[in-house]
Amino acid sequence: MRIETNGFFDLQVNGFAGVDFNDPTNTHTSLEHATEAMRRTGVTRYLATLITSSFERFAKCARLLATSEDPAIAGIHMEGPYISPEDGARGAHQRAHVVQASIEDFKRRQGAANGRIILVTVAPEVPGALELIGYLVEQNIRVAIGHTAATPDEIRAGISAGATLSTHLGNGCAQLLPRHPNLIWEQLAADELWMSLIVDGHHLPPATVKSMVRAKGADRSLLVTDATAAAGCPPGNYLLGGVEVKLSASGRVAVPGAPNLAGSSLAMNSAVGNAVSFTGLELGEVLPMASTLPAAYLGMTTSGRVIADWDEERYALRINAMVDC
């Protein structure tokens, strides 16, 4: 079935097609290469995501992104360094560079990014987090809860301070949690929070995706890829913020020998197909989760149109062309 829909808008892209946005040796040419590869998957706007690192590394990466004139780069998603230092919750972020939340530290990073940081993922329980969340909201910067070991009360405190999104809900937390209460239930129940999900079949089982979307509602559920340099590439070794990660033949991305995942190799057109398969929703109900809803969350719009073929039997969305991008 031939369809035409809005261009996809991905809120969380660490890299693509061999390019790691967290690599300070990148150039505008490498950014253009990654962006063009993403366009072939239907993504016409995205937030380049910079993860926990030293300020020096962050600043070099942010300065390059901030000087890009490509309209596809809608801004920067700063994921860390104000996250939980605990194993599991921290994910693949390097513990050595996790720091307490600080308005002054953020101002320094925003200065390096020339004001292009528009989304910040923070753990609400870390010292200084609530004050920082309040400041970010005053600056019209969206705040997400993620990579956290917070108690339900600490989740509620983050929401009261102004957090409005759950970053890749169900991931970036301890491998084992109390049945109830826990931070996943608390975020699912919070009507104030939108949620983003990595629907690659590795981060969340299909039944979990289905249950989460039913609980939160499709109108507050956003698809993200959390793509790394491994996305769009063959199995092998790649880098994420200076850390070696391995892409397996099954599409799983992880630090060799570590139990946790380290981003993904997911493309957004595949995320759409998986979401239809996992949730039982119609394609027309899922497409906004990859396009107009993420844009609306940021107070932005999508760009261009995607022409694609939908294979309902295989849950495959094949991109044919991009229009008005």
C-alpha atoms as a PDB file:
ATOM      1  CA  MET A   1       0.000   0.000   0.000  1.00  0.00           C
ATOM      2  CA  ARG A   2       1.446   3.379  -1.004  1.00  0.00           C
ATOM      3  CA  ILE A   3       1.212   6.074   1.703  1.00  0.00           C
ATOM      4  CA  GLU A   4       2.232   9.695   2.090  1.00  0.00           C
ATOM      5  CA  THR A   5       2.838  11.091   5.563  1.00  0.00           C
ATOM      6  CA  ASN A   6       4.685  13.770   7.513  1.00  0.00           C
ATOM      7  CA  GLY A   7       8.459  13.605   7.780  1.00  0.00           C
ATOM      8  CA  PHE A   8       9.669  11.786  10.882  1.00  0.00           C
ATOM      9  CA  PHE A   9      11.030  13.716  13.878  1.00  0.00           C
ATOM     10  CA  ASP A  10      13.437  11.787  16.132  1.00  0.00           C
ATOM     11  CA  LEU A  11      14.119  13.258  19.582  1.00  0.00           C
ATOM     12  CA  GLN A  12      17.107  11.033  20.340  1.00  0.00           C
ATOM     13  CA  VAL A  13      19.882  10.313  17.839  1.00  0.00           C
ATOM     14  CA  ASN A  14      23.421   9.673  19.101  1.00  0.00           C
ATOM     15  CA  GLY A  15      24.702   9.064  15.583  1.00  0.00           C
ATOM     16  CA  PHE A  16      24.015   7.224  12.360  1.00  0.00           C
ATOM     17  CA  ALA A  17      25.721   5.564   9.408  1.00  0.00           C
ATOM     18  CA  GLY A  18      29.120   5.277  11.078  1.00  0.00           C
ATOM     19  CA  VAL A  19      29.048   8.799  12.534  1.00  0.00           C
ATOM     20  CA  ASP A  20      29.005   9.305  16.317  1.00  0.00           C
ATOM     21  CA  PHE A  21      27.746  12.782  17.245  1.00  0.00           C
ATOM     22  CA  ASN A  22      29.756  12.412  20.480  1.00  0.00           C
ATOM     23  CA  ASP A  23      33.044  12.293  18.550  1.00  0.00           C
ATOM     24  CA  PRO A  24      34.908  15.624  18.761  1.00  0.00           C
ATOM     25  CA  THR A  25      36.734  14.899  15.490  1.00  0.00           C
ATOM     26  CA  ASN A  26      33.515  15.128  13.457  1.00  0.00           C
ATOM     27  CA  THR A  27      33.186  17.630  10.628  1.00  0.00           C
ATOM     28  CA  HIS A  28      30.253  19.243   8.871  1.00  0.00           C
ATOM     29  CA  THR A  29      30.775  16.704   6.113  1.00  0.00           C
ATOM     30  CA  SER A  30      30.347  13.784   8.511  1.00  0.00           C
ATOM     31  CA  LEU A  31      27.217  15.384   9.981  1.00  0.00           C
ATOM     32  CA  GLU A  32      25.802  15.772   6.483  1.00  0.00           C
ATOM     33  CA  HIS A  33      26.564  12.118   5.754  1.00  0.00           C
ATOM     34  CA  ALA A  34      24.646  10.955   8.838  1.00  0.00           C
ATOM     35  CA  THR A  35      21.735  13.299   8.139  1.00  0.00           C
ATOM     36  CA  GLU A  36      21.398  12.160   4.540  1.00  0.00           C
ATOM     37  CA  ALA A  37      21.391   8.518   5.653  1.00  0.00           C
ATOM     38  CA  MET A  38      18.634   9.303   8.150  1.00  0.00           C
ATOM     39  CA  ARG A  39      16.584  11.032   5.452  1.00  0.00           C
ATOM     40  CA  ARG A  40      16.524   7.736   3.581  1.00  0.00           C
ATOM     41  CA  THR A  41      14.714   6.259   6.609  1.00  0.00           C
ATOM     42  CA  GLY A  42      12.119   9.053   6.611  1.00  0.00           C
ATOM     43  CA  VAL A  43      13.681  11.290   9.287  1.00  0.00           C
ATOM     44  CA  THR A  44      13.617  14.934   8.205  1.00  0.00           C
ATOM     45  CA  ARG A  45      14.211  16.567  11.612  1.00  0.00           C
ATOM     46  CA  TYR A  46      15.994  15.281  14.696  1.00  0.00           C
ATOM     47  CA  LEU A  47      17.717  16.194  17.938  1.00  0.00           C
ATOM     48  CA  ALA A  48      21.395  15.327  17.914  1.00  0.00           C
ATOM     49  CA  THR A  49      22.000  13.700  21.289  1.00  0.00           C
ATOM     50  CA  LEU A  50      25.116  14.272  23.367  1.00  0.00           C
ATOM     51  CA  ILE A  51      25.598  11.878  26.248  1.00  0.00           C
ATOM     52  CA  THR A  52      27.581  12.110  29.477  1.00  0.00           C
ATOM     53  CA  SER A  53      31.184  13.157  28.856  1.00  0.00           C
ATOM     54  CA  SER A  54      33.809  15.613  30.001  1.00  0.00           C
ATOM     55  CA  PHE A  55      32.958  19.265  29.457  1.00  0.00           C
ATOM     56  CA  GLU A  56      35.788  19.573  26.958  1.00  0.00           C
ATOM     57  CA  ARG A  57      34.483  16.719  24.818  1.00  0.00           C
ATOM     58  CA  PHE A  58      30.907  17.957  25.094  1.00  0.00           C
ATOM     59  CA  ALA A  59      31.896  21.496  24.120  1.00  0.00           C
ATOM     60  CA  LYS A  60      33.724  20.411  20.968  1.00  0.00           C
ATOM     61  CA  CYS A  61      30.808  18.262  19.830  1.00  0.00           C
ATOM     62  CA  ALA A  62      28.204  20.885  20.720  1.00  0.00           C
ATOM     63  CA  ARG A  63      30.049  23.686  18.910  1.00  0.00           C
ATOM     64  CA  LEU A  64      30.115  21.718  15.671  1.00  0.00           C
ATOM     65  CA  LEU A  65      26.423  20.844  15.895  1.00  0.00           C
ATOM     66  CA  ALA A  66      25.539  24.445  16.755  1.00  0.00           C
ATOM     67  CA  THR A  67      27.268  25.758  13.642  1.00  0.00           C
ATOM     68  CA  SER A  68      25.569  23.334  11.263  1.00  0.00           C
ATOM     69  CA  GLU A  69      23.213  25.074   8.867  1.00  0.00           C
ATOM     70  CA  ASP A  70      21.285  21.897   8.081  1.00  0.00           C
ATOM     71  CA  PRO A  71      17.631  22.520   9.057  1.00  0.00           C
ATOM     72  CA  ALA A  72      17.226  18.801   9.802  1.00  0.00           C
ATOM     73  CA  ILE A  73      19.158  19.344  13.056  1.00  0.00           C
ATOM     74  CA  ALA A  74      16.384  20.894  15.133  1.00  0.00           C
ATOM     75  CA  GLY A  75      18.523  21.186  18.254  1.00  0.00           C
ATOM     76  CA  ILE A  76      20.529  19.251  20.809  1.00  0.00           C
ATOM     77  CA  HIS A  77      19.252  16.719  23.327  1.00  0.00           C
ATOM     78  CA  MET A  78      21.619  16.709  26.302  1.00  0.00           C
ATOM     79  CA  GLU A  79      21.336  13.277  27.922  1.00  0.00           C
ATOM     80  CA  GLY A  80      23.418  13.590  31.060  1.00  0.00           C
ATOM     81  CA  PRO A  81      25.746  14.236  32.809  1.00  0.00           C
ATOM     82  CA  TYR A  82      23.150  14.886  35.545  1.00  0.00           C
ATOM     83  CA  ILE A  83      22.125  11.235  35.844  1.00  0.00           C
ATOM     84  CA  SER A  84      22.327   8.415  38.365  1.00  0.00           C
ATOM     85  CA  PRO A  85      25.869   7.092  38.911  1.00  0.00           C
ATOM     86  CA  GLU A  86      24.487   3.638  39.756  1.00  0.00           C
ATOM     87  CA  ASP A  87      25.127   0.639  37.530  1.00  0.00           C
ATOM     88  CA  GLY A  88      22.064  -0.205  35.495  1.00  0.00           C
ATOM     89  CA  ALA A  89      20.466   3.209  35.784  1.00  0.00           C
ATOM     90  CA  ARG A  90      23.594   4.782  34.312  1.00  0.00           C
ATOM     91  CA  GLY A  91      23.510   2.504  31.273  1.00  0.00           C
ATOM     92  CA  ALA A  92      26.512   2.953  28.974  1.00  0.00           C
ATOM     93  CA  HIS A  93      27.274   6.452  30.274  1.00  0.00           C
ATOM     94  CA  GLN A  94      30.732   6.721  31.808  1.00  0.00           C
ATOM     95  CA  ARG A  95      30.611   7.010  35.591  1.00  0.00           C
ATOM     96  CA  ALA A  96      33.726   9.203  35.652  1.00  0.00           C
ATOM     97  CA  HIS A  97      31.856  12.032  33.937  1.00  0.00           C
ATOM     98  CA  VAL A  98      28.562  11.871  35.856  1.00  0.00           C
ATOM     99  CA  VAL A  99      28.222  15.089  37.877  1.00  0.00           C
ATOM    100  CA  GLN A 100      25.741  16.782  40.175  1.00  0.00           C
ATOM    101  CA  ALA A 101      23.161  18.980  38.506  1.00  0.00           C
ATOM    102  CA  SER A 102      24.127  22.633  38.472  1.00  0.00           C
ATOM    103  CA  ILE A 103      22.619  25.689  36.834  1.00  0.00           C
ATOM    104  CA  GLU A 104      26.085  27.138  36.356  1.00  0.00           C
ATOM    105  CA  ASP A 105      27.390  23.970  34.741  1.00  0.00           C
ATOM    106  CA  PHE A 106      24.413  23.896  32.394  1.00  0.00           C
ATOM    107  CA  LYS A 107      24.917  27.554  31.462  1.00  0.00           C
ATOM    108  CA  ARG A 108      28.494  26.714  30.521  1.00  0.00           C
ATOM    109  CA  ARG A 109      27.334  23.842  28.309  1.00  0.00           C
ATOM    110  CA  GLN A 110      24.552  25.887  26.753  1.00  0.00           C
ATOM    111  CA  GLY A 111      27.093  28.585  25.976  1.00  0.00           C
ATOM    112  CA  ALA A 112      29.267  26.066  24.153  1.00  0.00           C
ATOM    113  CA  ALA A 113      26.146  24.922  22.257  1.00  0.00           C
ATOM    114  CA  ASN A 114      25.238  28.496  21.305  1.00  0.00           C
ATOM    115  CA  GLY A 115      21.812  28.055  22.888  1.00  0.00           C
ATOM    116  CA  ARG A 116      20.913  24.987  20.807  1.00  0.00           C
ATOM    117  CA  ILE A 117      20.166  22.642  23.752  1.00  0.00           C
ATOM    118  CA  ILE A 118      16.377  22.299  23.797  1.00  0.00           C
ATOM    119  CA  LEU A 119      15.894  19.018  25.685  1.00  0.00           C
ATOM    120  CA  VAL A 120      17.721  17.792  28.785  1.00  0.00           C
ATOM    121  CA  THR A 121      17.440  14.326  30.333  1.00  0.00           C
ATOM    122  CA  VAL A 122      18.115  14.352  34.064  1.00  0.00           C
ATOM    123  CA  ALA A 123      17.690  12.028  37.044  1.00  0.00           C
ATOM    124  CA  PRO A 124      15.482  13.955  39.491  1.00  0.00           C
ATOM    125  CA  GLU A 125      17.126  12.453  42.568  1.00  0.00           C
ATOM    126  CA  VAL A 126      20.639  13.799  41.925  1.00  0.00           C
ATOM    127  CA  PRO A 127      21.707  16.789  44.011  1.00  0.00           C
ATOM    128  CA  GLY A 128      20.703  20.070  42.403  1.00  0.00           C
ATOM    129  CA  ALA A 129      18.313  18.437  39.914  1.00  0.00           C
ATOM    130  CA  LEU A 130      15.090  20.071  41.060  1.00  0.00           C
ATOM    131  CA  GLU A 131      16.592  23.542  41.003  1.00  0.00           C
ATOM    132  CA  LEU A 132      18.019  22.901  37.547  1.00  0.00           C
ATOM    133  CA  ILE A 133      14.690  21.590  36.248  1.00  0.00           C
ATOM    134  CA  GLY A 134      12.988  24.771  37.413  1.00  0.00           C
ATOM    135  CA  TYR A 135      15.602  26.888  35.681  1.00  0.00           C
ATOM    136  CA  LEU A 136      15.348  24.913  32.433  1.00  0.00           C
ATOM    137  CA  VAL A 137      11.575  25.296  32.370  1.00  0.00           C
ATOM    138  CA  GLU A 138      11.985  29.063  32.816  1.00  0.00           C
ATOM    139  CA  GLN A 139      14.278  29.009  29.770  1.00  0.00           C
ATOM    140  CA  ASN A 140      11.633  27.138  27.721  1.00  0.00           C
ATOM    141  CA  ILE A 141      13.845  24.039  27.600  1.00  0.00           C
ATOM    142  CA  ARG A 142      12.052  20.712  27.834  1.00  0.00           C
ATOM    143  CA  VAL A 143      13.082  18.372  30.655  1.00  0.00           C
ATOM    144  CA  ALA A 144      12.917  14.579  30.577  1.00  0.00           C
ATOM    145  CA  ILE A 145      13.370  12.049  33.367  1.00  0.00           C
ATOM    146  CA  GLY A 146      15.817   9.290  32.519  1.00  0.00           C
ATOM    147  CA  HIS A 147      18.825   7.213  33.590  1.00  0.00           C
ATOM    148  CA  THR A 148      17.450   7.329  37.083  1.00  0.00           C
ATOM    149  CA  ALA A 149      17.199   5.302  40.281  1.00  0.00           C
ATOM    150  CA  ALA A 150      14.597   7.640  41.758  1.00  0.00           C
ATOM    151  CA  THR A 151      11.947   6.619  44.237  1.00  0.00           C
ATOM    152  CA  PRO A 152       8.317   7.303  43.277  1.00  0.00           C
ATOM    153  CA  ASP A 153       8.368  10.384  45.526  1.00  0.00           C
ATOM    154  CA  GLU A 154      11.474  11.668  43.732  1.00  0.00           C
ATOM    155  CA  ILE A 155       9.796  11.080  40.365  1.00  0.00           C
ATOM    156  CA  ARG A 156       6.827  13.133  41.548  1.00  0.00           C
ATOM    157  CA  ALA A 157       9.166  15.873  42.744  1.00  0.00           C
ATOM    158  CA  GLY A 158      10.775  16.014  39.291  1.00  0.00           C
ATOM    159  CA  ILE A 159       7.356  16.302  37.679  1.00  0.00           C
ATOM    160  CA  SER A 160       6.307  19.037  40.090  1.00  0.00           C
ATOM    161  CA  ALA A 161       9.492  20.917  39.221  1.00  0.00           C
ATOM    162  CA  GLY A 162       8.563  20.806  35.525  1.00  0.00           C
ATOM    163  CA  ALA A 163       9.711  17.551  33.877  1.00  0.00           C
ATOM    164  CA  THR A 164       7.338  16.593  31.038  1.00  0.00           C
ATOM    165  CA  LEU A 165       8.853  13.517  29.351  1.00  0.00           C
ATOM    166  CA  SER A 166      10.162  10.060  30.214  1.00  0.00           C
ATOM    167  CA  THR A 167      13.306   9.285  28.203  1.00  0.00           C
ATOM    168  CA  HIS A 168      13.160   5.734  26.742  1.00  0.00           C
ATOM    169  CA  LEU A 169      10.840   4.545  29.492  1.00  0.00           C
ATOM    170  CA  GLY A 170      11.613   1.043  30.746  1.00  0.00           C
ATOM    171  CA  ASN A 171      15.309   1.495  30.030  1.00  0.00           C
ATOM    172  CA  GLY A 172      18.003   3.523  31.765  1.00  0.00           C
ATOM    173  CA  CYS A 173      17.032   1.995  35.105  1.00  0.00           C
ATOM    174  CA  ALA A 174      18.074  -0.908  37.315  1.00  0.00           C
ATOM    175  CA  GLN A 175      17.794  -4.413  35.863  1.00  0.00           C
ATOM    176  CA  LEU A 176      15.706  -5.450  38.900  1.00  0.00           C
ATOM    177  CA  LEU A 177      13.017  -3.241  40.453  1.00  0.00           C
ATOM    178  CA  PRO A 178      10.395  -3.784  43.170  1.00  0.00           C
ATOM    179  CA  ARG A 179       7.148  -5.063  41.648  1.00  0.00           C
ATOM    180  CA  HIS A 180       5.406  -1.974  43.037  1.00  0.00           C
ATOM    181  CA  PRO A 181       5.825   0.829  43.676  1.00  0.00           C
ATOM    182  CA  ASN A 182       8.645   1.651  41.277  1.00  0.00           C
ATOM    183  CA  LEU A 183       9.783   4.404  38.957  1.00  0.00           C
ATOM    184  CA  ILE A 184       8.241   2.855  35.825  1.00  0.00           C
ATOM    185  CA  TRP A 185       4.721   2.605  37.264  1.00  0.00           C
ATOM    186  CA  GLU A 186       5.010   6.136  38.658  1.00  0.00           C
ATOM    187  CA  GLN A 187       5.925   7.586  35.270  1.00  0.00           C
ATOM    188  CA  LEU A 188       3.292   5.567  33.412  1.00  0.00           C
ATOM    189  CA  ALA A 189       0.635   6.865  35.801  1.00  0.00           C
ATOM    190  CA  ALA A 190       1.721  10.503  35.543  1.00  0.00           C
ATOM    191  CA  ASP A 191      -0.608  12.298  33.150  1.00  0.00           C
ATOM    192  CA  GLU A 192       1.854  15.201  33.054  1.00  0.00           C
ATOM    193  CA  LEU A 193       4.492  13.075  31.323  1.00  0.00           C
ATOM    194  CA  TRP A 194       4.817  12.107  27.680  1.00  0.00           C
ATOM    195  CA  MET A 195       6.959   9.031  27.138  1.00  0.00           C
ATOM    196  CA  SER A 196       9.485   7.990  24.515  1.00  0.00           C
ATOM    197  CA  LEU A 197      10.093   4.344  23.647  1.00  0.00           C
ATOM    198  CA  ILE A 198      12.811   2.479  21.740  1.00  0.00           C
ATOM    199  CA  VAL A 199      10.801  -0.095  19.812  1.00  0.00           C
ATOM    200  CA  ASP A 200      13.570  -2.274  18.391  1.00  0.00           C
ATOM    201  CA  GLY A 201      12.679  -5.575  20.044  1.00  0.00           C
ATOM    202  CA  HIS A 202      15.817  -5.436  22.201  1.00  0.00           C
ATOM    203  CA  HIS A 203      15.091  -2.591  24.610  1.00  0.00           C
ATOM    204  CA  LEU A 204      11.513  -3.660  25.357  1.00  0.00           C
ATOM    205  CA  PRO A 205       9.571  -6.878  24.671  1.00  0.00           C
ATOM    206  CA  PRO A 206       6.485  -6.506  22.452  1.00  0.00           C
ATOM    207  CA  ALA A 207       4.024  -7.091  25.316  1.00  0.00           C
ATOM    208  CA  THR A 208       5.723  -4.381  27.369  1.00  0.00           C
ATOM    209  CA  VAL A 209       5.439  -1.878  24.516  1.00  0.00           C
ATOM    210  CA  LYS A 210       1.771  -2.764  24.047  1.00  0.00           C
ATOM    211  CA  SER A 211       1.021  -2.371  27.757  1.00  0.00           C
ATOM    212  CA  MET A 212       2.909   0.906  28.064  1.00  0.00           C
ATOM    213  CA  VAL A 213       1.203   2.499  25.080  1.00  0.00           C
ATOM    214  CA  ARG A 214      -2.193   1.364  26.357  1.00  0.00           C
ATOM    215  CA  ALA A 215      -1.425   2.884  29.762  1.00  0.00           C
ATOM    216  CA  LYS A 216      -0.003   6.186  28.536  1.00  0.00           C
ATOM    217  CA  GLY A 217      -2.131   6.524  25.402  1.00  0.00           C
ATOM    218  CA  ALA A 218      -0.903   6.761  21.826  1.00  0.00           C
ATOM    219  CA  ASP A 219      -1.307  10.550  21.897  1.00  0.00           C
ATOM    220  CA  ARG A 220       1.426  10.869  24.549  1.00  0.00           C
ATOM    221  CA  SER A 221       3.708   8.074  23.236  1.00  0.00           C
ATOM    222  CA  LEU A 222       6.719   9.040  21.130  1.00  0.00           C
ATOM    223  CA  LEU A 223       8.967   6.761  19.082  1.00  0.00           C
ATOM    224  CA  VAL A 224      12.697   7.426  19.298  1.00  0.00           C
ATOM    225  CA  THR A 225      15.556   5.401  17.861  1.00  0.00           C
ATOM    226  CA  ASP A 226      18.384   6.204  20.305  1.00  0.00           C
ATOM    227  CA  ALA A 227      20.440   5.372  17.205  1.00  0.00           C
ATOM    228  CA  THR A 228      24.216   5.166  17.430  1.00  0.00           C
ATOM    229  CA  ALA A 229      26.953   5.172  14.801  1.00  0.00           C
ATOM    230  CA  ALA A 230      26.099   1.492  14.283  1.00  0.00           C
ATOM    231  CA  ALA A 231      22.687   2.327  12.803  1.00  0.00           C
ATOM    232  CA  GLY A 232      22.547   1.675   9.079  1.00  0.00           C
ATOM    233  CA  CYS A 233      25.801  -0.297   9.250  1.00  0.00           C
ATOM    234  CA  PRO A 234      26.823  -3.981   9.195  1.00  0.00           C
ATOM    235  CA  PRO A 235      27.591  -5.906  12.400  1.00  0.00           C
ATOM    236  CA  GLY A 236      30.875  -4.912  13.980  1.00  0.00           C
ATOM    237  CA  ASN A 237      32.514  -2.547  16.457  1.00  0.00           C
ATOM    238  CA  TYR A 238      31.663   1.151  16.683  1.00  0.00           C
ATOM    239  CA  LEU A 239      32.139   4.023  19.108  1.00  0.00           C
ATOM    240  CA  LEU A 240      29.670   5.835  21.371  1.00  0.00           C
ATOM    241  CA  GLY A 241      31.230   8.767  23.164  1.00  0.00           C
ATOM    242  CA  GLY A 242      34.667   7.177  23.049  1.00  0.00           C
ATOM    243  CA  VAL A 243      33.405   3.807  24.330  1.00  0.00           C
ATOM    244  CA  GLU A 244      33.560   0.782  22.040  1.00  0.00           C
ATOM    245  CA  VAL A 245      30.185  -0.821  21.379  1.00  0.00           C
ATOM    246  CA  LYS A 246      29.398  -3.898  19.330  1.00  0.00           C
ATOM    247  CA  LEU A 247      26.537  -4.354  16.877  1.00  0.00           C
ATOM    248  CA  SER A 248      25.489  -8.008  16.735  1.00  0.00           C
ATOM    249  CA  ALA A 249      23.933  -9.777  13.789  1.00  0.00           C
ATOM    250  CA  SER A 250      20.583  -9.534  15.590  1.00  0.00           C
ATOM    251  CA  GLY A 251      20.800  -5.734  15.690  1.00  0.00           C
ATOM    252  CA  ARG A 252      21.661  -5.449  19.389  1.00  0.00           C
ATOM    253  CA  VAL A 253      24.144  -2.733  20.394  1.00  0.00           C
ATOM    254  CA  ALA A 254      26.052  -3.149  23.657  1.00  0.00           C
ATOM    255  CA  VAL A 255      29.431  -2.651  25.272  1.00  0.00           C
ATOM    256  CA  PRO A 256      31.221  -6.006  24.814  1.00  0.00           C
ATOM    257  CA  GLY A 257      30.814  -8.085  27.960  1.00  0.00           C
ATOM    258  CA  ALA A 258      28.289  -5.704  29.564  1.00  0.00           C
ATOM    259  CA  PRO A 259      24.698  -6.751  30.282  1.00  0.00           C
ATOM    260  CA  ASN A 260      23.113  -3.429  29.373  1.00  0.00           C
ATOM    261  CA  LEU A 261      22.382  -2.022  25.947  1.00  0.00           C
ATOM    262  CA  ALA A 262      24.253   0.999  24.575  1.00  0.00           C
ATOM    263  CA  GLY A 263      21.893   2.815  22.237  1.00  0.00           C
ATOM    264  CA  SER A 264      20.530   1.061  19.189  1.00  0.00           C
ATOM    265  CA  SER A 265      20.889   0.349  15.484  1.00  0.00           C
ATOM    266  CA  LEU A 266      17.244   1.206  14.904  1.00  0.00           C
ATOM    267  CA  ALA A 267      15.912   3.245  11.979  1.00  0.00           C
ATOM    268  CA  MET A 268      12.662   5.160  12.423  1.00  0.00           C
ATOM    269  CA  ASN A 269      10.811   3.446   9.572  1.00  0.00           C
ATOM    270  CA  SER A 270      11.534   0.117  11.305  1.00  0.00           C
ATOM    271  CA  ALA A 271      10.390   1.567  14.634  1.00  0.00           C
ATOM    272  CA  VAL A 272       7.049   2.433  13.042  1.00  0.00           C
ATOM    273  CA  GLY A 273       6.625  -1.090  11.663  1.00  0.00           C
ATOM    274  CA  ASN A 274       7.575  -2.660  14.987  1.00  0.00           C
ATOM    275  CA  ALA A 275       5.171  -0.406  16.884  1.00  0.00           C
ATOM    276  CA  VAL A 276       2.267  -1.468  14.666  1.00  0.00           C
ATOM    277  CA  SER A 277       3.240  -5.116  15.144  1.00  0.00           C
ATOM    278  CA  PHE A 278       3.747  -4.866  18.913  1.00  0.00           C
ATOM    279  CA  THR A 279       0.724  -2.724  19.834  1.00  0.00           C
ATOM    280  CA  GLY A 280      -1.924  -3.856  17.357  1.00  0.00           C
ATOM    281  CA  LEU A 281      -2.621  -0.207  16.498  1.00  0.00           C
ATOM    282  CA  GLU A 282      -3.330   0.832  12.934  1.00  0.00           C
ATOM    283  CA  LEU A 283      -0.512   2.384  10.910  1.00  0.00           C
ATOM    284  CA  GLY A 284      -2.370   5.703  10.902  1.00  0.00           C
ATOM    285  CA  GLU A 285      -2.369   5.698  14.711  1.00  0.00           C
ATOM    286  CA  VAL A 286       1.363   4.964  14.938  1.00  0.00           C
ATOM    287  CA  LEU A 287       2.737   7.369  12.308  1.00  0.00           C
ATOM    288  CA  PRO A 288       2.073  10.489  14.459  1.00  0.00           C
ATOM    289  CA  MET A 289       4.176   8.889  17.228  1.00  0.00           C
ATOM    290  CA  ALA A 290       7.179   9.244  14.894  1.00  0.00           C
ATOM    291  CA  SER A 291       6.344  12.637  13.416  1.00  0.00           C
ATOM    292  CA  THR A 292       3.770  15.198  14.521  1.00  0.00           C
ATOM    293  CA  LEU A 293       3.665  14.182  18.195  1.00  0.00           C
ATOM    294  CA  PRO A 294       7.423  14.539  18.869  1.00  0.00           C
ATOM    295  CA  ALA A 295       7.318  17.854  17.023  1.00  0.00           C
ATOM    296  CA  ALA A 296       4.321  19.001  19.066  1.00  0.00           C
ATOM    297  CA  TYR A 297       6.043  18.017  22.311  1.00  0.00           C
ATOM    298  CA  LEU A 298       8.839  20.446  21.454  1.00  0.00           C
ATOM    299  CA  GLY A 299       6.456  23.110  20.188  1.00  0.00           C
ATOM    300  CA  MET A 300       7.814  22.619  16.662  1.00  0.00           C
ATOM    301  CA  THR A 301       6.593  21.291  13.320  1.00  0.00           C
ATOM    302  CA  THR A 302       7.639  18.475  11.050  1.00  0.00           C
ATOM    303  CA  SER A 303       9.389  19.046   7.741  1.00  0.00           C
ATOM    304  CA  GLY A 304       8.574  17.597   4.359  1.00  0.00           C
ATOM    305  CA  ARG A 305       6.591  14.541   3.365  1.00  0.00           C
ATOM    306  CA  VAL A 306       7.493  10.859   3.217  1.00  0.00           C
ATOM    307  CA  ILE A 307       6.265   8.615   0.414  1.00  0.00           C
ATOM    308  CA  ALA A 308       6.500   4.955   1.362  1.00  0.00           C
ATOM    309  CA  ASP A 309       5.124   1.491   0.749  1.00  0.00           C
ATOM    310  CA  TRP A 310       3.503  -0.309   3.680  1.00  0.00           C
ATOM    311  CA  ASP A 311       3.711  -4.102   3.732  1.00  0.00           C
ATOM    312  CA  GLU A 312       1.005  -5.032   6.208  1.00  0.00           C
ATOM    313  CA  GLU A 313       1.946  -8.710   6.311  1.00  0.00           C
ATOM    314  CA  ARG A 314       5.591  -8.035   7.201  1.00  0.00           C
ATOM    315  CA  TYR A 315       4.998  -4.818   9.166  1.00  0.00           C
ATOM    316  CA  ALA A 316       7.569  -3.179   6.884  1.00  0.00           C
ATOM    317  CA  LEU A 317       7.580   0.491   5.910  1.00  0.00           C
ATOM    318  CA  ARG A 318       9.829   1.028   2.876  1.00  0.00           C
ATOM    319  CA  ILE A 319      10.729   4.645   2.138  1.00  0.00           C
ATOM    320  CA  ASN A 320      10.496   5.551  -1.549  1.00  0.00           C
ATOM    321  CA  ALA A 321      10.944   9.302  -1.687  1.00  0.00           C
ATOM    322  CA  MET A 322      11.062  12.512   0.336  1.00  0.00           C
ATOM    323  CA  VAL A 323       9.117  15.573  -0.800  1.00  0.00           C
ATOM    324  CA  ASP A 324       9.625  19.262   0.120  1.00  0.00           C
ATOM    325  CA  CYS A 325      12.429  18.524   2.571  1.00  0.00           C
END
